[in-house]
């Protein structure tokens, strides 16, 4: 269920984007909006279990993302109180945006492409809020940046849209550099980028944080 919750918008975005010439705008809009609605429906039982139930945090491992030397990252879905809340928030807002956009983009000839971008944005946000390590968090952050660039510059014929999308893209890349340095520093100091391992090591050795203990 957790895997479907996160990946449904991605598959819908790919389907609508790659096959838009064959399926048409209406089917593309229905599939992308329906996928986000499905993710929202799957989010509520998780939210209820954590807020009013006695659920405990857990991790669902999907596949090995990167495994090079001692560096390992497994694509996972981490479900805890914070992610349970954010799943409902992200999916609710995204679903409402999808529904609103059906009318807002009614006269646009490229509706399928727009809805594909929206669904991909949702997938990136879900990947971000359910990440179990800093690399997956970085991937989600990058996905949100790419989707923002595509959506802001959707009407690429307009000079203002192009300028705004490039400005947003460059601004995000500045933050990416610091983000990447932070991931490398965490791995250097703690030998891991997984949340639980890093936070546990940081609590046990506060002087080690960012290499302070070495100076």
C-alpha atoms as a PDB file:
ATOM      1  CA  UNK A   1       0.000   0.000   0.000  1.00  0.00           C
ATOM      2  CA  UNK A   2       2.809   2.419   0.907  1.00  0.00           C
ATOM      3  CA  UNK A   3       4.601   1.800  -2.386  1.00  0.00           C
ATOM      4  CA  UNK A   4       1.418   2.442  -4.367  1.00  0.00           C
ATOM      5  CA  UNK A   5       0.767   5.585  -2.360  1.00  0.00           C
ATOM      6  CA  UNK A   6       4.091   7.100  -3.403  1.00  0.00           C
ATOM      7  CA  UNK A   7       4.510   5.664  -6.902  1.00  0.00           C
ATOM      8  CA  UNK A   8       0.965   6.044  -8.260  1.00  0.00           C
ATOM      9  CA  UNK A   9       1.433   9.731  -9.212  1.00  0.00           C
ATOM     10  CA  UNK A  10       4.760   8.891 -10.876  1.00  0.00           C
ATOM     11  CA  UNK A  11       3.281   6.202 -13.118  1.00  0.00           C
ATOM     12  CA  UNK A  12       0.328   8.474 -13.913  1.00  0.00           C
ATOM     13  CA  UNK A  13       2.700  11.315 -14.828  1.00  0.00           C
ATOM     14  CA  UNK A  14       4.726   9.032 -17.105  1.00  0.00           C
ATOM     15  CA  UNK A  15       1.593   7.612 -18.712  1.00  0.00           C
ATOM     16  CA  UNK A  16       0.015  11.008 -19.340  1.00  0.00           C
ATOM     17  CA  UNK A  17       3.244  12.601 -20.509  1.00  0.00           C
ATOM     18  CA  UNK A  18       4.486   9.874 -22.837  1.00  0.00           C
ATOM     19  CA  UNK A  19       1.149   8.813 -24.304  1.00  0.00           C
ATOM     20  CA  UNK A  20      -0.655  12.151 -24.436  1.00  0.00           C
ATOM     21  CA  UNK A  21      -0.916  12.049 -28.246  1.00  0.00           C
ATOM     22  CA  UNK A  22      -2.687   8.707 -28.099  1.00  0.00           C
ATOM     23  CA  UNK A  23      -4.909   8.956 -25.041  1.00  0.00           C
ATOM     24  CA  UNK A  24      -5.985  12.597 -25.312  1.00  0.00           C
ATOM     25  CA  UNK A  25      -6.337  15.313 -22.704  1.00  0.00           C
ATOM     26  CA  UNK A  26      -9.423  14.004 -20.910  1.00  0.00           C
ATOM     27  CA  UNK A  27      -7.969  10.586 -20.167  1.00  0.00           C
ATOM     28  CA  UNK A  28      -4.648  12.138 -19.135  1.00  0.00           C
ATOM     29  CA  UNK A  29      -6.411  14.482 -16.706  1.00  0.00           C
ATOM     30  CA  UNK A  30      -8.571  11.683 -15.333  1.00  0.00           C
ATOM     31  CA  UNK A  31      -5.622   9.345 -14.742  1.00  0.00           C
ATOM     32  CA  UNK A  32      -3.378  11.921 -13.071  1.00  0.00           C
ATOM     33  CA  UNK A  33      -6.166  13.335 -10.902  1.00  0.00           C
ATOM     34  CA  UNK A  34      -7.347   9.841 -10.018  1.00  0.00           C
ATOM     35  CA  UNK A  35      -3.841   8.730  -9.046  1.00  0.00           C
ATOM     36  CA  UNK A  36      -3.492  11.620  -6.601  1.00  0.00           C
ATOM     37  CA  UNK A  37      -6.969  10.884  -5.273  1.00  0.00           C
ATOM     38  CA  UNK A  38      -5.891   7.280  -4.732  1.00  0.00           C
ATOM     39  CA  UNK A  39      -2.785   8.405  -2.851  1.00  0.00           C
ATOM     40  CA  UNK A  40      -4.938  10.697  -0.721  1.00  0.00           C
ATOM     41  CA  UNK A  41      -7.343   7.866   0.089  1.00  0.00           C
ATOM     42  CA  UNK A  42      -4.443   5.609   1.088  1.00  0.00           C
ATOM     43  CA  UNK A  43      -2.949   8.359   3.240  1.00  0.00           C
ATOM     44  CA  UNK A  44      -5.931   8.740   5.545  1.00  0.00           C
ATOM     45  CA  UNK A  45      -5.768   5.300   7.246  1.00  0.00           C
ATOM     46  CA  UNK A  46      -2.083   5.914   7.978  1.00  0.00           C
ATOM     47  CA  UNK A  47      -2.849   9.371   9.347  1.00  0.00           C
ATOM     48  CA  UNK A  48      -5.660   8.049  11.545  1.00  0.00           C
ATOM     49  CA  UNK A  49      -3.486   5.242  12.920  1.00  0.00           C
ATOM     50  CA  UNK A  50      -0.759   7.652  13.985  1.00  0.00           C
ATOM     51  CA  UNK A  51      -2.933  10.496  15.270  1.00  0.00           C
ATOM     52  CA  UNK A  52      -5.709   8.569  17.007  1.00  0.00           C
ATOM     53  CA  UNK A  53      -4.276   5.061  17.092  1.00  0.00           C
ATOM     54  CA  UNK A  54      -1.170   3.470  18.534  1.00  0.00           C
ATOM     55  CA  UNK A  55       0.849   3.011  15.336  1.00  0.00           C
ATOM     56  CA  UNK A  56       4.639   2.989  15.562  1.00  0.00           C
ATOM     57  CA  UNK A  57       7.113   4.225  12.918  1.00  0.00           C
ATOM     58  CA  UNK A  58       8.127   1.685  10.284  1.00  0.00           C
ATOM     59  CA  UNK A  59      10.055   1.534   7.024  1.00  0.00           C
ATOM     60  CA  UNK A  60       9.070  -0.243   3.804  1.00  0.00           C
ATOM     61  CA  UNK A  61      12.107  -0.952   1.623  1.00  0.00           C
ATOM     62  CA  UNK A  62      11.361  -0.886  -2.111  1.00  0.00           C
ATOM     63  CA  UNK A  63      14.659  -1.380  -3.927  1.00  0.00           C
ATOM     64  CA  UNK A  64      18.389  -0.724  -3.660  1.00  0.00           C
ATOM     65  CA  UNK A  65      19.017   2.756  -4.993  1.00  0.00           C
ATOM     66  CA  UNK A  66      22.815   3.029  -4.813  1.00  0.00           C
ATOM     67  CA  UNK A  67      25.388   0.562  -3.518  1.00  0.00           C
ATOM     68  CA  UNK A  68      28.965   1.685  -4.144  1.00  0.00           C
ATOM     69  CA  UNK A  69      31.732   0.583  -1.793  1.00  0.00           C
ATOM     70  CA  UNK A  70      30.591   1.420   1.708  1.00  0.00           C
ATOM     71  CA  UNK A  71      27.948   3.849   0.477  1.00  0.00           C
ATOM     72  CA  UNK A  72      24.472   2.334   0.381  1.00  0.00           C
ATOM     73  CA  UNK A  73      21.088   3.908  -0.177  1.00  0.00           C
ATOM     74  CA  UNK A  74      17.880   1.862  -0.295  1.00  0.00           C
ATOM     75  CA  UNK A  75      14.790   3.509  -1.703  1.00  0.00           C
ATOM     76  CA  UNK A  76      12.328   3.241   1.148  1.00  0.00           C
ATOM     77  CA  UNK A  77       9.054   4.626   2.392  1.00  0.00           C
ATOM     78  CA  UNK A  78       9.396   5.821   5.975  1.00  0.00           C
ATOM     79  CA  UNK A  79       6.118   6.191   7.818  1.00  0.00           C
ATOM     80  CA  UNK A  80       6.099   8.062  11.122  1.00  0.00           C
ATOM     81  CA  UNK A  81       3.980  10.778  12.702  1.00  0.00           C
ATOM     82  CA  UNK A  82       5.506  13.600  10.674  1.00  0.00           C
ATOM     83  CA  UNK A  83       5.313  11.790   7.342  1.00  0.00           C
ATOM     84  CA  UNK A  84       1.744  10.632   8.094  1.00  0.00           C
ATOM     85  CA  UNK A  85       0.696  14.263   8.534  1.00  0.00           C
ATOM     86  CA  UNK A  86       2.600  15.446   5.475  1.00  0.00           C
ATOM     87  CA  UNK A  87       1.138  12.686   3.299  1.00  0.00           C
ATOM     88  CA  UNK A  88      -2.355  14.011   3.958  1.00  0.00           C
ATOM     89  CA  UNK A  89      -1.270  17.636   3.511  1.00  0.00           C
ATOM     90  CA  UNK A  90       0.613  17.042   0.245  1.00  0.00           C
ATOM     91  CA  UNK A  91      -2.030  14.822  -1.303  1.00  0.00           C
ATOM     92  CA  UNK A  92      -4.940  17.033  -0.241  1.00  0.00           C
ATOM     93  CA  UNK A  93      -3.391  20.185  -1.684  1.00  0.00           C
ATOM     94  CA  UNK A  94      -2.280  18.384  -4.835  1.00  0.00           C
ATOM     95  CA  UNK A  95      -5.690  16.791  -5.381  1.00  0.00           C
ATOM     96  CA  UNK A  96      -7.431  20.151  -5.012  1.00  0.00           C
ATOM     97  CA  UNK A  97      -4.962  21.739  -7.450  1.00  0.00           C
ATOM     98  CA  UNK A  98      -5.607  18.937  -9.949  1.00  0.00           C
ATOM     99  CA  UNK A  99      -9.382  19.375  -9.664  1.00  0.00           C
ATOM    100  CA  UNK A 100      -9.150  23.159  -9.956  1.00  0.00           C
ATOM    101  CA  UNK A 101      -6.828  22.878 -12.954  1.00  0.00           C
ATOM    102  CA  UNK A 102      -9.407  20.821 -14.880  1.00  0.00           C
ATOM    103  CA  UNK A 103     -11.461  23.995 -15.252  1.00  0.00           C
ATOM    104  CA  UNK A 104      -8.586  26.472 -15.204  1.00  0.00           C
ATOM    105  CA  UNK A 105      -6.779  24.763 -18.097  1.00  0.00           C
ATOM    106  CA  UNK A 106      -9.943  23.868 -20.010  1.00  0.00           C
ATOM    107  CA  UNK A 107      -9.006  25.925 -23.076  1.00  0.00           C
ATOM    108  CA  UNK A 108      -5.292  25.095 -23.132  1.00  0.00           C
ATOM    109  CA  UNK A 109      -4.206  22.763 -25.949  1.00  0.00           C
ATOM    110  CA  UNK A 110      -1.476  21.179 -23.813  1.00  0.00           C
ATOM    111  CA  UNK A 111      -3.475  20.092 -20.780  1.00  0.00           C
ATOM    112  CA  UNK A 112      -2.051  16.570 -20.736  1.00  0.00           C
ATOM    113  CA  UNK A 113       1.489  17.911 -20.408  1.00  0.00           C
ATOM    114  CA  UNK A 114       0.460  20.265 -17.605  1.00  0.00           C
ATOM    115  CA  UNK A 115      -1.219  17.492 -15.637  1.00  0.00           C
ATOM    116  CA  UNK A 116       1.787  15.246 -16.175  1.00  0.00           C
ATOM    117  CA  UNK A 117       3.981  17.929 -14.590  1.00  0.00           C
ATOM    118  CA  UNK A 118       1.547  18.317 -11.688  1.00  0.00           C
ATOM    119  CA  UNK A 119       1.505  14.597 -11.012  1.00  0.00           C
ATOM    120  CA  UNK A 120       5.298  14.411 -11.175  1.00  0.00           C
ATOM    121  CA  UNK A 121       5.499  17.283  -8.681  1.00  0.00           C
ATOM    122  CA  UNK A 122       3.266  15.299  -6.338  1.00  0.00           C
ATOM    123  CA  UNK A 123       5.462  12.219  -6.675  1.00  0.00           C
ATOM    124  CA  UNK A 124       8.578  14.263  -5.878  1.00  0.00           C
ATOM    125  CA  UNK A 125       6.951  15.733  -2.784  1.00  0.00           C
ATOM    126  CA  UNK A 126       5.800  12.308  -1.588  1.00  0.00           C
ATOM    127  CA  UNK A 127       9.313  10.944  -2.118  1.00  0.00           C
ATOM    128  CA  UNK A 128      10.688  13.824  -0.079  1.00  0.00           C
ATOM    129  CA  UNK A 129       8.364  13.467   2.916  1.00  0.00           C
ATOM    130  CA  UNK A 130       8.704   9.658   3.072  1.00  0.00           C
ATOM    131  CA  UNK A 131      12.487   9.527   2.633  1.00  0.00           C
ATOM    132  CA  UNK A 132      14.457   7.303   4.981  1.00  0.00           C
ATOM    133  CA  UNK A 133      17.875   8.725   4.200  1.00  0.00           C
ATOM    134  CA  UNK A 134      19.400  11.998   3.068  1.00  0.00           C
ATOM    135  CA  UNK A 135      20.040  10.857  -0.508  1.00  0.00           C
ATOM    136  CA  UNK A 136      16.384  10.055  -1.105  1.00  0.00           C
ATOM    137  CA  UNK A 137      15.526  13.365   0.520  1.00  0.00           C
ATOM    138  CA  UNK A 138      17.922  15.037  -1.934  1.00  0.00           C
ATOM    139  CA  UNK A 139      16.331  13.188  -4.857  1.00  0.00           C
ATOM    140  CA  UNK A 140      12.878  14.364  -3.783  1.00  0.00           C
ATOM    141  CA  UNK A 141      14.170  17.906  -3.392  1.00  0.00           C
ATOM    142  CA  UNK A 142      15.672  17.774  -6.894  1.00  0.00           C
ATOM    143  CA  UNK A 143      12.427  16.379  -8.290  1.00  0.00           C
ATOM    144  CA  UNK A 144      10.455  19.231  -6.760  1.00  0.00           C
ATOM    145  CA  UNK A 145      12.940  21.674  -8.284  1.00  0.00           C
ATOM    146  CA  UNK A 146      12.632  20.133 -11.747  1.00  0.00           C
ATOM    147  CA  UNK A 147       8.840  20.021 -11.542  1.00  0.00           C
ATOM    148  CA  UNK A 148       8.748  23.650 -10.389  1.00  0.00           C
ATOM    149  CA  UNK A 149      10.920  24.637 -13.338  1.00  0.00           C
ATOM    150  CA  UNK A 150       8.621  22.812 -15.759  1.00  0.00           C
ATOM    151  CA  UNK A 151       5.425  24.249 -14.270  1.00  0.00           C
ATOM    152  CA  UNK A 152       6.688  27.821 -13.990  1.00  0.00           C
ATOM    153  CA  UNK A 153       7.918  27.717 -17.573  1.00  0.00           C
ATOM    154  CA  UNK A 154       4.918  25.795 -18.887  1.00  0.00           C
ATOM    155  CA  UNK A 155       3.955  28.591 -21.278  1.00  0.00           C
ATOM    156  CA  UNK A 156       7.473  28.674 -22.661  1.00  0.00           C
ATOM    157  CA  UNK A 157       6.431  30.973 -25.526  1.00  0.00           C
ATOM    158  CA  UNK A 158       6.275  33.815 -23.011  1.00  0.00           C
ATOM    159  CA  UNK A 159       9.554  35.513 -22.175  1.00  0.00           C
ATOM    160  CA  UNK A 160       8.392  36.226 -18.619  1.00  0.00           C
ATOM    161  CA  UNK A 161       7.660  32.528 -17.975  1.00  0.00           C
ATOM    162  CA  UNK A 162      11.064  31.501 -19.285  1.00  0.00           C
ATOM    163  CA  UNK A 163      12.859  34.094 -17.161  1.00  0.00           C
ATOM    164  CA  UNK A 164      10.938  33.112 -14.033  1.00  0.00           C
ATOM    165  CA  UNK A 165      11.599  29.385 -14.513  1.00  0.00           C
ATOM    166  CA  UNK A 166      15.328  29.946 -15.026  1.00  0.00           C
ATOM    167  CA  UNK A 167      15.482  32.178 -11.951  1.00  0.00           C
ATOM    168  CA  UNK A 168      13.772  29.518  -9.824  1.00  0.00           C
ATOM    169  CA  UNK A 169      16.037  26.790 -11.238  1.00  0.00           C
ATOM    170  CA  UNK A 170      19.243  28.709 -10.516  1.00  0.00           C
ATOM    171  CA  UNK A 171      18.091  29.614  -7.001  1.00  0.00           C
ATOM    172  CA  UNK A 172      17.393  25.952  -6.205  1.00  0.00           C
ATOM    173  CA  UNK A 173      20.793  24.902  -7.528  1.00  0.00           C
ATOM    174  CA  UNK A 174      22.488  27.184  -4.979  1.00  0.00           C
ATOM    175  CA  UNK A 175      20.682  25.344  -2.198  1.00  0.00           C
ATOM    176  CA  UNK A 176      21.545  21.993  -3.787  1.00  0.00           C
ATOM    177  CA  UNK A 177      25.253  22.651  -3.369  1.00  0.00           C
ATOM    178  CA  UNK A 178      24.947  23.124   0.384  1.00  0.00           C
ATOM    179  CA  UNK A 179      22.580  20.163   0.609  1.00  0.00           C
ATOM    180  CA  UNK A 180      25.093  17.886  -1.150  1.00  0.00           C
ATOM    181  CA  UNK A 181      27.889  19.068   1.132  1.00  0.00           C
ATOM    182  CA  UNK A 182      25.720  18.260   4.151  1.00  0.00           C
ATOM    183  CA  UNK A 183      25.087  14.714   2.904  1.00  0.00           C
ATOM    184  CA  UNK A 184      28.794  14.148   2.339  1.00  0.00           C
ATOM    185  CA  UNK A 185      29.614  15.564   5.776  1.00  0.00           C
ATOM    186  CA  UNK A 186      27.036  13.260   7.426  1.00  0.00           C
ATOM    187  CA  UNK A 187      28.504  10.206   5.703  1.00  0.00           C
ATOM    188  CA  UNK A 188      32.055  11.276   6.568  1.00  0.00           C
ATOM    189  CA  UNK A 189      31.236  11.807  10.241  1.00  0.00           C
ATOM    190  CA  UNK A 190      28.841   8.927  10.885  1.00  0.00           C
ATOM    191  CA  UNK A 191      29.498   6.440   8.084  1.00  0.00           C
ATOM    192  CA  UNK A 192      25.819   6.450   7.102  1.00  0.00           C
ATOM    193  CA  UNK A 193      23.149   8.683   5.612  1.00  0.00           C
ATOM    194  CA  UNK A 194      20.128   6.888   7.087  1.00  0.00           C
ATOM    195  CA  UNK A 195      18.128   9.032   9.489  1.00  0.00           C
ATOM    196  CA  UNK A 196      17.999   6.605  12.407  1.00  0.00           C
ATOM    197  CA  UNK A 197      21.701   5.783  12.288  1.00  0.00           C
ATOM    198  CA  UNK A 198      22.813   9.388  11.906  1.00  0.00           C
ATOM    199  CA  UNK A 199      20.493  10.755  14.606  1.00  0.00           C
ATOM    200  CA  UNK A 200      21.436   7.972  17.006  1.00  0.00           C
ATOM    201  CA  UNK A 201      25.152   8.555  16.414  1.00  0.00           C
ATOM    202  CA  UNK A 202      24.731  12.318  16.735  1.00  0.00           C
ATOM    203  CA  UNK A 203      22.909  11.932  20.061  1.00  0.00           C
ATOM    204  CA  UNK A 204      25.535   9.522  21.369  1.00  0.00           C
ATOM    205  CA  UNK A 205      28.470  11.652  20.162  1.00  0.00           C
ATOM    206  CA  UNK A 206      27.392  15.292  20.011  1.00  0.00           C
ATOM    207  CA  UNK A 207      30.973  16.497  19.625  1.00  0.00           C
ATOM    208  CA  UNK A 208      31.297  14.501  16.435  1.00  0.00           C
ATOM    209  CA  UNK A 209      28.687  16.525  14.613  1.00  0.00           C
ATOM    210  CA  UNK A 210      30.211  18.011  11.481  1.00  0.00           C
ATOM    211  CA  UNK A 211      33.614  16.845  12.584  1.00  0.00           C
ATOM    212  CA  UNK A 212      33.838  19.192  15.564  1.00  0.00           C
ATOM    213  CA  UNK A 213      35.398  16.462  17.675  1.00  0.00           C
ATOM    214  CA  UNK A 214      38.367  16.225  15.354  1.00  0.00           C
ATOM    215  CA  UNK A 215      39.563  19.770  15.986  1.00  0.00           C
END
